[in-house]
Amino acid sequence: MSNMNDPFSDLALDEEEQLLEAALEKGDFEEVSDFEDTKRMLKEAAGRYRQLNTSKPVTLRINQLDLIKIKAKAKRNNIPYQTLLGAVVHDFAEDRTILKIK
């Protein structure tokens, strides 16, 4: 039966986590001499990562007929057309969609 006071008593660790826990218990880790610099660098990196994963509004000129077709497809799929356009752009950026120019 698990210990009610210890939420980690039944925690299952994978192999890497077990190695880290064992090293920590042995005291194999050393304090970083430039801890504040490292901490600042990691905070900046986290902030940039968060910033890269936010939406940014853009203005785009698009053929009227294409927009009508996109809105119709979005409506058939019960999603906002801007969400559909964002998904298409994302898939293209991630090389999941190939552009064919005839």
PDB file of N, CA and C in Angstrom:
ATOM      1  N   MET A   1       0.856  -1.181   0.000  1.00  0.00           N
ATOM      2  CA  MET A   1       0.000   0.000   0.000  1.00  0.00           C
ATOM      3  C   MET A   1       0.899   1.241   0.000  1.00  0.00           C
ATOM      4  N   SER A   2       0.504   2.291  -0.748  1.00  0.00           N
ATOM      5  CA  SER A   2       1.335   3.485  -0.848  1.00  0.00           C
ATOM      6  C   SER A   2       1.204   4.348   0.405  1.00  0.00           C
ATOM      7  N   ASN A   3       2.257   5.101   0.662  1.00  0.00           N
ATOM      8  CA  ASN A   3       2.284   6.010   1.790  1.00  0.00           C
ATOM      9  C   ASN A   3       1.476   7.252   1.421  1.00  0.00           C
ATOM     10  N   MET A   4       0.440   7.573   2.194  1.00  0.00           N
ATOM     11  CA  MET A   4      -0.445   8.701   1.886  1.00  0.00           C
ATOM     12  C   MET A   4       0.283  10.041   1.991  1.00  0.00           C
ATOM     13  N   ASN A   5       1.354  10.126   2.779  1.00  0.00           N
ATOM     14  CA  ASN A   5       2.074  11.383   2.953  1.00  0.00           C
ATOM     15  C   ASN A   5       3.125  11.610   1.874  1.00  0.00           C
ATOM     16  N   ASP A   6       3.490  10.576   1.126  1.00  0.00           N
ATOM     17  CA  ASP A   6       4.517  10.689   0.104  1.00  0.00           C
ATOM     18  C   ASP A   6       3.897  10.446  -1.268  1.00  0.00           C
ATOM     19  N   PRO A   7       3.667  11.512  -2.045  1.00  0.00           N
ATOM     20  CA  PRO A   7       3.035  11.335  -3.359  1.00  0.00           C
ATOM     21  C   PRO A   7       3.935  10.609  -4.353  1.00  0.00           C
ATOM     22  N   PHE A   8       5.226  10.472  -4.030  1.00  0.00           N
ATOM     23  CA  PHE A   8       6.167   9.840  -4.939  1.00  0.00           C
ATOM     24  C   PHE A   8       6.471   8.391  -4.575  1.00  0.00           C
ATOM     25  N   SER A   9       5.797   7.854  -3.571  1.00  0.00           N
ATOM     26  CA  SER A   9       6.126   6.513  -3.086  1.00  0.00           C
ATOM     27  C   SER A   9       5.890   5.437  -4.149  1.00  0.00           C
ATOM     28  N   ASP A  10       4.910   5.604  -5.017  1.00  0.00           N
ATOM     29  CA  ASP A  10       4.618   4.603  -6.046  1.00  0.00           C
ATOM     30  C   ASP A  10       5.062   5.054  -7.437  1.00  0.00           C
ATOM     31  N   LEU A  11       5.932   6.034  -7.498  1.00  0.00           N
ATOM     32  CA  LEU A  11       6.372   6.592  -8.768  1.00  0.00           C
ATOM     33  C   LEU A  11       7.292   5.609  -9.486  1.00  0.00           C
ATOM     34  N   ALA A  12       7.000   5.333 -10.742  1.00  0.00           N
ATOM     35  CA  ALA A  12       7.834   4.433 -11.543  1.00  0.00           C
ATOM     36  C   ALA A  12       8.780   5.275 -12.389  1.00  0.00           C
ATOM     37  N   LEU A  13      10.076   5.070 -12.228  1.00  0.00           N
ATOM     38  CA  LEU A  13      11.081   5.815 -12.979  1.00  0.00           C
ATOM     39  C   LEU A  13      11.581   4.981 -14.147  1.00  0.00           C
ATOM     40  N   ASP A  14      11.861   5.661 -15.280  1.00  0.00           N
ATOM     41  CA  ASP A  14      12.464   4.923 -16.388  1.00  0.00           C
ATOM     42  C   ASP A  14      13.965   4.780 -16.120  1.00  0.00           C
ATOM     43  N   GLU A  15      14.677   4.108 -17.014  1.00  0.00           N
ATOM     44  CA  GLU A  15      16.093   3.804 -16.776  1.00  0.00           C
ATOM     45  C   GLU A  15      16.939   5.066 -16.599  1.00  0.00           C
ATOM     46  N   GLU A  16      16.716   6.068 -17.449  1.00  0.00           N
ATOM     47  CA  GLU A  16      17.488   7.308 -17.346  1.00  0.00           C
ATOM     48  C   GLU A  16      17.204   8.022 -16.029  1.00  0.00           C
ATOM     49  N   GLU A  17      15.948   8.056 -15.623  1.00  0.00           N
ATOM     50  CA  GLU A  17      15.580   8.702 -14.355  1.00  0.00           C
ATOM     51  C   GLU A  17      16.201   7.963 -13.167  1.00  0.00           C
ATOM     52  N   GLN A  18      16.260   6.636 -13.247  1.00  0.00           N
ATOM     53  CA  GLN A  18      16.880   5.850 -12.179  1.00  0.00           C
ATOM     54  C   GLN A  18      18.372   6.161 -12.069  1.00  0.00           C
ATOM     55  N   LEU A  19      19.052   6.303 -13.219  1.00  0.00           N
ATOM     56  CA  LEU A  19      20.477   6.645 -13.215  1.00  0.00           C
ATOM     57  C   LEU A  19      20.703   8.025 -12.604  1.00  0.00           C
ATOM     58  N   LEU A  20      19.846   8.975 -12.975  1.00  0.00           N
ATOM     59  CA  LEU A  20      19.953  10.331 -12.418  1.00  0.00           C
ATOM     60  C   LEU A  20      19.721  10.328 -10.913  1.00  0.00           C
ATOM     61  N   GLU A  21      18.704   9.580 -10.462  1.00  0.00           N
ATOM     62  CA  GLU A  21      18.406   9.507  -9.032  1.00  0.00           C
ATOM     63  C   GLU A  21      19.575   8.885  -8.272  1.00  0.00           C
ATOM     64  N   ALA A  22      20.163   7.826  -8.820  1.00  0.00           N
ATOM     65  CA  ALA A  22      21.292   7.170  -8.169  1.00  0.00           C
ATOM     66  C   ALA A  22      22.493   8.115  -8.086  1.00  0.00           C
ATOM     67  N   ALA A  23      22.766   8.846  -9.160  1.00  0.00           N
ATOM     68  CA  ALA A  23      23.881   9.790  -9.169  1.00  0.00           C
ATOM     69  C   ALA A  23      23.643  10.910  -8.169  1.00  0.00           C
ATOM     70  N   LEU A  24      22.417  11.365  -8.073  1.00  0.00           N
ATOM     71  CA  LEU A  24      22.072  12.426  -7.124  1.00  0.00           C
ATOM     72  C   LEU A  24      22.275  11.950  -5.691  1.00  0.00           C
ATOM     73  N   GLU A  25      21.821  10.719  -5.402  1.00  0.00           N
ATOM     74  CA  GLU A  25      21.963  10.170  -4.055  1.00  0.00           C
ATOM     75  C   GLU A  25      23.431   9.964  -3.677  1.00  0.00           C
ATOM     76  N   LYS A  26      24.278   9.651  -4.666  1.00  0.00           N
ATOM     77  CA  LYS A  26      25.710   9.453  -4.415  1.00  0.00           C
ATOM     78  C   LYS A  26      26.452  10.779  -4.302  1.00  0.00           C
ATOM     79  N   GLY A  27      25.810  11.847  -4.717  1.00  0.00           N
ATOM     80  CA  GLY A  27      26.470  13.150  -4.681  1.00  0.00           C
ATOM     81  C   GLY A  27      27.413  13.355  -5.854  1.00  0.00           C
ATOM     82  N   ASP A  28      27.122  12.719  -6.995  1.00  0.00           N
ATOM     83  CA  ASP A  28      27.981  12.812  -8.163  1.00  0.00           C
ATOM     84  C   ASP A  28      27.864  14.139  -8.911  1.00  0.00           C
ATOM     85  N   PHE A  29      26.961  14.984  -8.520  1.00  0.00           N
ATOM     86  CA  PHE A  29      26.791  16.257  -9.199  1.00  0.00           C
ATOM     87  C   PHE A  29      27.550  17.351  -8.459  1.00  0.00           C
ATOM     88  N   GLU A  30      28.105  18.279  -9.224  1.00  0.00           N
ATOM     89  CA  GLU A  30      28.836  19.406  -8.645  1.00  0.00           C
ATOM     90  C   GLU A  30      28.065  20.691  -8.915  1.00  0.00           C
ATOM     91  N   GLU A  31      28.217  21.626  -8.006  1.00  0.00           N
ATOM     92  CA  GLU A  31      27.570  22.919  -8.191  1.00  0.00           C
ATOM     93  C   GLU A  31      28.252  23.666  -9.325  1.00  0.00           C
ATOM     94  N   VAL A  32      27.456  24.320 -10.153  1.00  0.00           N
ATOM     95  CA  VAL A  32      27.984  25.077 -11.280  1.00  0.00           C
ATOM     96  C   VAL A  32      28.557  26.378 -10.755  1.00  0.00           C
ATOM     97  N   SER A  33      29.777  26.711 -11.203  1.00  0.00           N
ATOM     98  CA  SER A  33      30.426  27.927 -10.708  1.00  0.00           C
ATOM     99  C   SER A  33      29.730  29.190 -11.204  1.00  0.00           C
ATOM    100  N   ASP A  34      29.199  29.164 -12.417  1.00  0.00           N
ATOM    101  CA  ASP A  34      28.518  30.334 -12.971  1.00  0.00           C
ATOM    102  C   ASP A  34      27.004  30.109 -13.008  1.00  0.00           C
ATOM    103  N   PHE A  35      26.473  29.682 -11.871  1.00  0.00           N
ATOM    104  CA  PHE A  35      25.059  29.302 -11.785  1.00  0.00           C
ATOM    105  C   PHE A  35      24.132  30.426 -12.231  1.00  0.00           C
ATOM    106  N   GLU A  36      24.378  31.654 -11.787  1.00  0.00           N
ATOM    107  CA  GLU A  36      23.495  32.773 -12.127  1.00  0.00           C
ATOM    108  C   GLU A  36      23.509  33.045 -13.624  1.00  0.00           C
ATOM    109  N   ASP A  37      24.680  32.956 -14.259  1.00  0.00           N
ATOM    110  CA  ASP A  37      24.764  33.152 -15.712  1.00  0.00           C
ATOM    111  C   ASP A  37      24.002  32.054 -16.448  1.00  0.00           C
ATOM    112  N   THR A  38      24.185  30.822 -15.999  1.00  0.00           N
ATOM    113  CA  THR A  38      23.488  29.690 -16.619  1.00  0.00           C
ATOM    114  C   THR A  38      21.980  29.836 -16.433  1.00  0.00           C
ATOM    115  N   LYS A  39      21.568  30.227 -15.238  1.00  0.00           N
ATOM    116  CA  LYS A  39      20.142  30.414 -14.947  1.00  0.00           C
ATOM    117  C   LYS A  39      19.552  31.497 -15.854  1.00  0.00           C
ATOM    118  N   ARG A  40      20.274  32.610 -16.016  1.00  0.00           N
ATOM    119  CA  ARG A  40      19.820  33.713 -16.881  1.00  0.00           C
ATOM    120  C   ARG A  40      19.712  33.247 -18.332  1.00  0.00           C
ATOM    121  N   MET A  41      20.714  32.490 -18.789  1.00  0.00           N
ATOM    122  CA  MET A  41      20.718  31.995 -20.159  1.00  0.00           C
ATOM    123  C   MET A  41      19.519  31.063 -20.407  1.00  0.00           C
ATOM    124  N   LEU A  42      19.242  30.187 -19.449  1.00  0.00           N
ATOM    125  CA  LEU A  42      18.121  29.262 -19.599  1.00  0.00           C
ATOM    126  C   LEU A  42      16.779  29.990 -19.572  1.00  0.00           C
ATOM    127  N   LYS A  43      16.674  31.041 -18.742  1.00  0.00           N
ATOM    128  CA  LYS A  43      15.445  31.844 -18.707  1.00  0.00           C
ATOM    129  C   LYS A  43      15.206  32.525 -20.051  1.00  0.00           C
ATOM    130  N   GLU A  44      16.287  33.074 -20.631  1.00  0.00           N
ATOM    131  CA  GLU A  44      16.179  33.727 -21.937  1.00  0.00           C
ATOM    132  C   GLU A  44      15.758  32.725 -23.006  1.00  0.00           C
ATOM    133  N   ALA A  45      16.350  31.538 -22.972  1.00  0.00           N
ATOM    134  CA  ALA A  45      16.020  30.503 -23.951  1.00  0.00           C
ATOM    135  C   ALA A  45      14.561  30.093 -23.815  1.00  0.00           C
ATOM    136  N   ALA A  46      14.086  29.949 -22.585  1.00  0.00           N
ATOM    137  CA  ALA A  46      12.684  29.571 -22.359  1.00  0.00           C
ATOM    138  C   ALA A  46      11.755  30.667 -22.877  1.00  0.00           C
ATOM    139  N   GLY A  47      12.118  31.908 -22.647  1.00  0.00           N
ATOM    140  CA  GLY A  47      11.305  33.027 -23.131  1.00  0.00           C
ATOM    141  C   GLY A  47      11.247  33.066 -24.644  1.00  0.00           C
ATOM    142  N   ARG A  48      12.389  32.836 -25.290  1.00  0.00           N
ATOM    143  CA  ARG A  48      12.417  32.816 -26.760  1.00  0.00           C
ATOM    144  C   ARG A  48      11.593  31.655 -27.296  1.00  0.00           C
ATOM    145  N   TYR A  49      11.703  30.502 -26.656  1.00  0.00           N
ATOM    146  CA  TYR A  49      10.937  29.337 -27.089  1.00  0.00           C
ATOM    147  C   TYR A  49       9.440  29.622 -27.005  1.00  0.00           C
ATOM    148  N   ARG A  50       9.037  30.226 -25.894  1.00  0.00           N
ATOM    149  CA  ARG A  50       7.625  30.564 -25.715  1.00  0.00           C
ATOM    150  C   ARG A  50       7.174  31.559 -26.787  1.00  0.00           C
ATOM    151  N   GLN A  51       8.047  32.537 -27.064  1.00  0.00           N
ATOM    152  CA  GLN A  51       7.722  33.559 -28.056  1.00  0.00           C
ATOM    153  C   GLN A  51       7.564  32.938 -29.444  1.00  0.00           C
ATOM    154  N   LEU A  52       8.412  31.956 -29.768  1.00  0.00           N
ATOM    155  CA  LEU A  52       8.335  31.312 -31.075  1.00  0.00           C
ATOM    156  C   LEU A  52       7.061  30.497 -31.247  1.00  0.00           C
ATOM    157  N   ASN A  53       6.437  30.109 -30.165  1.00  0.00           N
ATOM    158  CA  ASN A  53       5.233  29.284 -30.231  1.00  0.00           C
ATOM    159  C   ASN A  53       3.948  30.072 -30.008  1.00  0.00           C
ATOM    160  N   THR A  54       4.013  31.378 -30.207  1.00  0.00           N
ATOM    161  CA  THR A  54       2.804  32.192 -30.109  1.00  0.00           C
ATOM    162  C   THR A  54       2.343  32.566 -31.518  1.00  0.00           C
ATOM    163  N   SER A  55       1.095  32.911 -31.653  1.00  0.00           N
ATOM    164  CA  SER A  55       0.547  33.314 -32.951  1.00  0.00           C
ATOM    165  C   SER A  55       0.893  34.761 -33.231  1.00  0.00           C
ATOM    166  N   LYS A  56       1.059  35.061 -34.500  1.00  0.00           N
ATOM    167  CA  LYS A  56       1.339  36.431 -34.913  1.00  0.00           C
ATOM    168  C   LYS A  56       0.371  36.784 -36.033  1.00  0.00           C
ATOM    169  N   PRO A  57      -0.365  37.878 -35.886  1.00  0.00           N
ATOM    170  CA  PRO A  57      -1.297  38.258 -36.949  1.00  0.00           C
ATOM    171  C   PRO A  57      -0.533  38.723 -38.197  1.00  0.00           C
ATOM    172  N   VAL A  58      -1.035  38.353 -39.371  1.00  0.00           N
ATOM    173  CA  VAL A  58      -0.440  38.776 -40.635  1.00  0.00           C
ATOM    174  C   VAL A  58      -1.539  39.285 -41.554  1.00  0.00           C
ATOM    175  N   THR A  59      -1.156  40.150 -42.465  1.00  0.00           N
ATOM    176  CA  THR A  59      -2.074  40.622 -43.493  1.00  0.00           C
ATOM    177  C   THR A  59      -1.682  39.922 -44.780  1.00  0.00           C
ATOM    178  N   LEU A  60      -2.671  39.410 -45.482  1.00  0.00           N
ATOM    179  CA  LEU A  60      -2.403  38.594 -46.659  1.00  0.00           C
ATOM    180  C   LEU A  60      -3.410  38.914 -47.746  1.00  0.00           C
ATOM    181  N   ARG A  61      -2.930  39.153 -48.938  1.00  0.00           N
ATOM    182  CA  ARG A  61      -3.834  39.339 -50.069  1.00  0.00           C
ATOM    183  C   ARG A  61      -4.054  37.970 -50.693  1.00  0.00           C
ATOM    184  N   ILE A  62      -5.331  37.643 -50.910  1.00  0.00           N
ATOM    185  CA  ILE A  62      -5.675  36.330 -51.449  1.00  0.00           C
ATOM    186  C   ILE A  62      -6.806  36.503 -52.455  1.00  0.00           C
ATOM    187  N   ASN A  63      -6.774  35.715 -53.492  1.00  0.00           N
ATOM    188  CA  ASN A  63      -7.792  35.743 -54.526  1.00  0.00           C
ATOM    189  C   ASN A  63      -9.165  35.505 -53.887  1.00  0.00           C
ATOM    190  N   GLN A  64     -10.147  36.303 -54.281  1.00  0.00           N
ATOM    191  CA  GLN A  64     -11.483  36.238 -53.688  1.00  0.00           C
ATOM    192  C   GLN A  64     -12.107  34.843 -53.828  1.00  0.00           C
ATOM    193  N   LEU A  65     -11.968  34.239 -55.005  1.00  0.00           N
ATOM    194  CA  LEU A  65     -12.549  32.914 -55.225  1.00  0.00           C
ATOM    195  C   LEU A  65     -11.868  31.872 -54.334  1.00  0.00           C
ATOM    196  N   ASP A  66     -10.540  31.978 -54.176  1.00  0.00           N
ATOM    197  CA  ASP A  66      -9.825  31.053 -53.290  1.00  0.00           C
ATOM    198  C   ASP A  66     -10.323  31.190 -51.856  1.00  0.00           C
ATOM    199  N   LEU A  67     -10.530  32.436 -51.424  1.00  0.00           N
ATOM    200  CA  LEU A  67     -11.009  32.664 -50.064  1.00  0.00           C
ATOM    201  C   LEU A  67     -12.399  32.059 -49.854  1.00  0.00           C
ATOM    202  N   ILE A  68     -13.260  32.208 -50.841  1.00  0.00           N
ATOM    203  CA  ILE A  68     -14.607  31.617 -50.748  1.00  0.00           C
ATOM    204  C   ILE A  68     -14.511  30.104 -50.611  1.00  0.00           C
ATOM    205  N   LYS A  69     -13.649  29.481 -51.422  1.00  0.00           N
ATOM    206  CA  LYS A  69     -13.478  28.029 -51.370  1.00  0.00           C
ATOM    207  C   LYS A  69     -12.911  27.587 -50.018  1.00  0.00           C
ATOM    208  N   ILE A  70     -11.944  28.347 -49.495  1.00  0.00           N
ATOM    209  CA  ILE A  70     -11.338  28.015 -48.199  1.00  0.00           C
ATOM    210  C   ILE A  70     -12.369  28.133 -47.085  1.00  0.00           C
ATOM    211  N   LYS A  71     -13.162  29.195 -47.133  1.00  0.00           N
ATOM    212  CA  LYS A  71     -14.204  29.366 -46.117  1.00  0.00           C
ATOM    213  C   LYS A  71     -15.222  28.236 -46.181  1.00  0.00           C
ATOM    214  N   ALA A  72     -15.568  27.797 -47.389  1.00  0.00           N
ATOM    215  CA  ALA A  72     -16.525  26.694 -47.542  1.00  0.00           C
ATOM    216  C   ALA A  72     -15.944  25.395 -46.976  1.00  0.00           C
ATOM    217  N   LYS A  73     -14.665  25.127 -47.274  1.00  0.00           N
ATOM    218  CA  LYS A  73     -14.021  23.915 -46.740  1.00  0.00           C
ATOM    219  C   LYS A  73     -13.947  23.971 -45.221  1.00  0.00           C
ATOM    220  N   ALA A  74     -13.623  25.134 -44.687  1.00  0.00           N
ATOM    221  CA  ALA A  74     -13.550  25.283 -43.230  1.00  0.00           C
ATOM    222  C   ALA A  74     -14.924  25.046 -42.604  1.00  0.00           C
ATOM    223  N   LYS A  75     -15.940  25.592 -43.221  1.00  0.00           N
ATOM    224  CA  LYS A  75     -17.297  25.418 -42.691  1.00  0.00           C
ATOM    225  C   LYS A  75     -17.708  23.942 -42.705  1.00  0.00           C
ATOM    226  N   ARG A  76     -17.379  23.228 -43.790  1.00  0.00           N
ATOM    227  CA  ARG A  76     -17.693  21.799 -43.870  1.00  0.00           C
ATOM    228  C   ARG A  76     -16.978  20.998 -42.779  1.00  0.00           C
ATOM    229  N   ASN A  77     -15.803  21.497 -42.350  1.00  0.00           N
ATOM    230  CA  ASN A  77     -15.025  20.814 -41.313  1.00  0.00           C
ATOM    231  C   ASN A  77     -15.260  21.395 -39.923  1.00  0.00           C
ATOM    232  N   ASN A  78     -16.218  22.327 -39.818  1.00  0.00           N
ATOM    233  CA  ASN A  78     -16.580  22.955 -38.535  1.00  0.00           C
ATOM    234  C   ASN A  78     -15.402  23.605 -37.825  1.00  0.00           C
ATOM    235  N   ILE A  79     -14.554  24.308 -38.596  1.00  0.00           N
ATOM    236  CA  ILE A  79     -13.451  25.064 -37.998  1.00  0.00           C
ATOM    237  C   ILE A  79     -13.426  26.464 -38.609  1.00  0.00           C
ATOM    238  N   PRO A  80     -12.899  27.442 -37.891  1.00  0.00           N
ATOM    239  CA  PRO A  80     -12.776  28.785 -38.467  1.00  0.00           C
ATOM    240  C   PRO A  80     -11.807  28.761 -39.666  1.00  0.00           C
ATOM    241  N   TYR A  81     -12.087  29.574 -40.676  1.00  0.00           N
ATOM    242  CA  TYR A  81     -11.245  29.548 -41.870  1.00  0.00           C
ATOM    243  C   TYR A  81      -9.818  29.991 -41.566  1.00  0.00           C
ATOM    244  N   GLN A  82      -9.632  30.889 -40.594  1.00  0.00           N
ATOM    245  CA  GLN A  82      -8.276  31.312 -40.243  1.00  0.00           C
ATOM    246  C   GLN A  82      -7.495  30.157 -39.609  1.00  0.00           C
ATOM    247  N   THR A  83      -8.189  29.300 -38.872  1.00  0.00           N
ATOM    248  CA  THR A  83      -7.554  28.118 -38.300  1.00  0.00           C
ATOM    249  C   THR A  83      -7.117  27.179 -39.423  1.00  0.00           C
ATOM    250  N   LEU A  84      -7.978  27.024 -40.419  1.00  0.00           N
ATOM    251  CA  LEU A  84      -7.632  26.183 -41.571  1.00  0.00           C
ATOM    252  C   LEU A  84      -6.412  26.743 -42.294  1.00  0.00           C
ATOM    253  N   LEU A  85      -6.400  28.048 -42.553  1.00  0.00           N
ATOM    254  CA  LEU A  85      -5.253  28.663 -43.220  1.00  0.00           C
ATOM    255  C   LEU A  85      -3.980  28.498 -42.396  1.00  0.00           C
ATOM    256  N   GLY A  86      -4.091  28.666 -41.086  1.00  0.00           N
ATOM    257  CA  GLY A  86      -2.933  28.482 -40.215  1.00  0.00           C
ATOM    258  C   GLY A  86      -2.401  27.060 -40.263  1.00  0.00           C
ATOM    259  N   ALA A  87      -3.316  26.088 -40.326  1.00  0.00           N
ATOM    260  CA  ALA A  87      -2.906  24.680 -40.397  1.00  0.00           C
ATOM    261  C   ALA A  87      -2.202  24.385 -41.716  1.00  0.00           C
ATOM    262  N   VAL A  88      -2.704  24.953 -42.809  1.00  0.00           N
ATOM    263  CA  VAL A  88      -2.070  24.755 -44.112  1.00  0.00           C
ATOM    264  C   VAL A  88      -0.662  25.353 -44.111  1.00  0.00           C
ATOM    265  N   VAL A  89      -0.529  26.561 -43.596  1.00  0.00           N
ATOM    266  CA  VAL A  89       0.782  27.210 -43.523  1.00  0.00           C
ATOM    267  C   VAL A  89       1.727  26.398 -42.638  1.00  0.00           C
ATOM    268  N   HIS A  90       1.230  25.929 -41.498  1.00  0.00           N
ATOM    269  CA  HIS A  90       2.065  25.135 -40.589  1.00  0.00           C
ATOM    270  C   HIS A  90       2.527  23.844 -41.260  1.00  0.00           C
ATOM    271  N   ASP A  91       1.614  23.143 -41.917  1.00  0.00           N
ATOM    272  CA  ASP A  91       1.993  21.906 -42.593  1.00  0.00           C
ATOM    273  C   ASP A  91       3.041  22.166 -43.678  1.00  0.00           C
ATOM    274  N   PHE A  92       2.903  23.271 -44.402  1.00  0.00           N
ATOM    275  CA  PHE A  92       3.891  23.612 -45.422  1.00  0.00           C
ATOM    276  C   PHE A  92       5.240  23.930 -44.773  1.00  0.00           C
ATOM    277  N   ALA A  93       5.222  24.692 -43.686  1.00  0.00           N
ATOM    278  CA  ALA A  93       6.465  25.051 -42.990  1.00  0.00           C
ATOM    279  C   ALA A  93       7.180  23.820 -42.446  1.00  0.00           C
ATOM    280  N   GLU A  94       6.416  22.807 -42.061  1.00  0.00           N
ATOM    281  CA  GLU A  94       6.986  21.573 -41.502  1.00  0.00           C
ATOM    282  C   GLU A  94       7.254  20.526 -42.590  1.00  0.00           C
ATOM    283  N   ASP A  95       7.175  20.932 -43.862  1.00  0.00           N
ATOM    284  CA  ASP A  95       7.410  20.035 -45.010  1.00  0.00           C
ATOM    285  C   ASP A  95       6.456  18.849 -45.049  1.00  0.00           C
ATOM    286  N   ARG A  96       5.249  19.032 -44.541  1.00  0.00           N
ATOM    287  CA  ARG A  96       4.241  17.971 -44.619  1.00  0.00           C
ATOM    288  C   ARG A  96       3.317  18.172 -45.819  1.00  0.00           C
ATOM    289  N   THR A  97       3.453  19.323 -46.485  1.00  0.00           N
ATOM    290  CA  THR A  97       2.674  19.625 -47.666  1.00  0.00           C
ATOM    291  C   THR A  97       3.648  20.061 -48.755  1.00  0.00           C
ATOM    292  N   ILE A  98       3.459  19.531 -49.946  1.00  0.00           N
ATOM    293  CA  ILE A  98       4.329  19.869 -51.055  1.00  0.00           C
ATOM    294  C   ILE A  98       3.605  20.863 -51.969  1.00  0.00           C
ATOM    295  N   LEU A  99       4.293  21.928 -52.334  1.00  0.00           N
ATOM    296  CA  LEU A  99       3.724  22.938 -53.202  1.00  0.00           C
ATOM    297  C   LEU A  99       3.918  22.501 -54.647  1.00  0.00           C
ATOM    298  N   LYS A 100       2.818  22.457 -55.396  1.00  0.00           N
ATOM    299  CA  LYS A 100       2.881  22.102 -56.812  1.00  0.00           C
ATOM    300  C   LYS A 100       2.440  23.321 -57.613  1.00  0.00           C
ATOM    301  N   ILE A 101       3.336  23.850 -58.421  1.00  0.00           N
ATOM    302  CA  ILE A 101       3.004  24.982 -59.285  1.00  0.00           C
ATOM    303  C   ILE A 101       2.904  24.457 -60.714  1.00  0.00           C
ATOM    304  N   LYS A 102       1.744  24.647 -61.325  1.00  0.00           N
ATOM    305  CA  LYS A 102       1.514  24.116 -62.684  1.00  0.00           C
ATOM    306  C   LYS A 102       1.894  25.133 -63.714  1.00  0.00           C
TER     307      LYS A 102
END
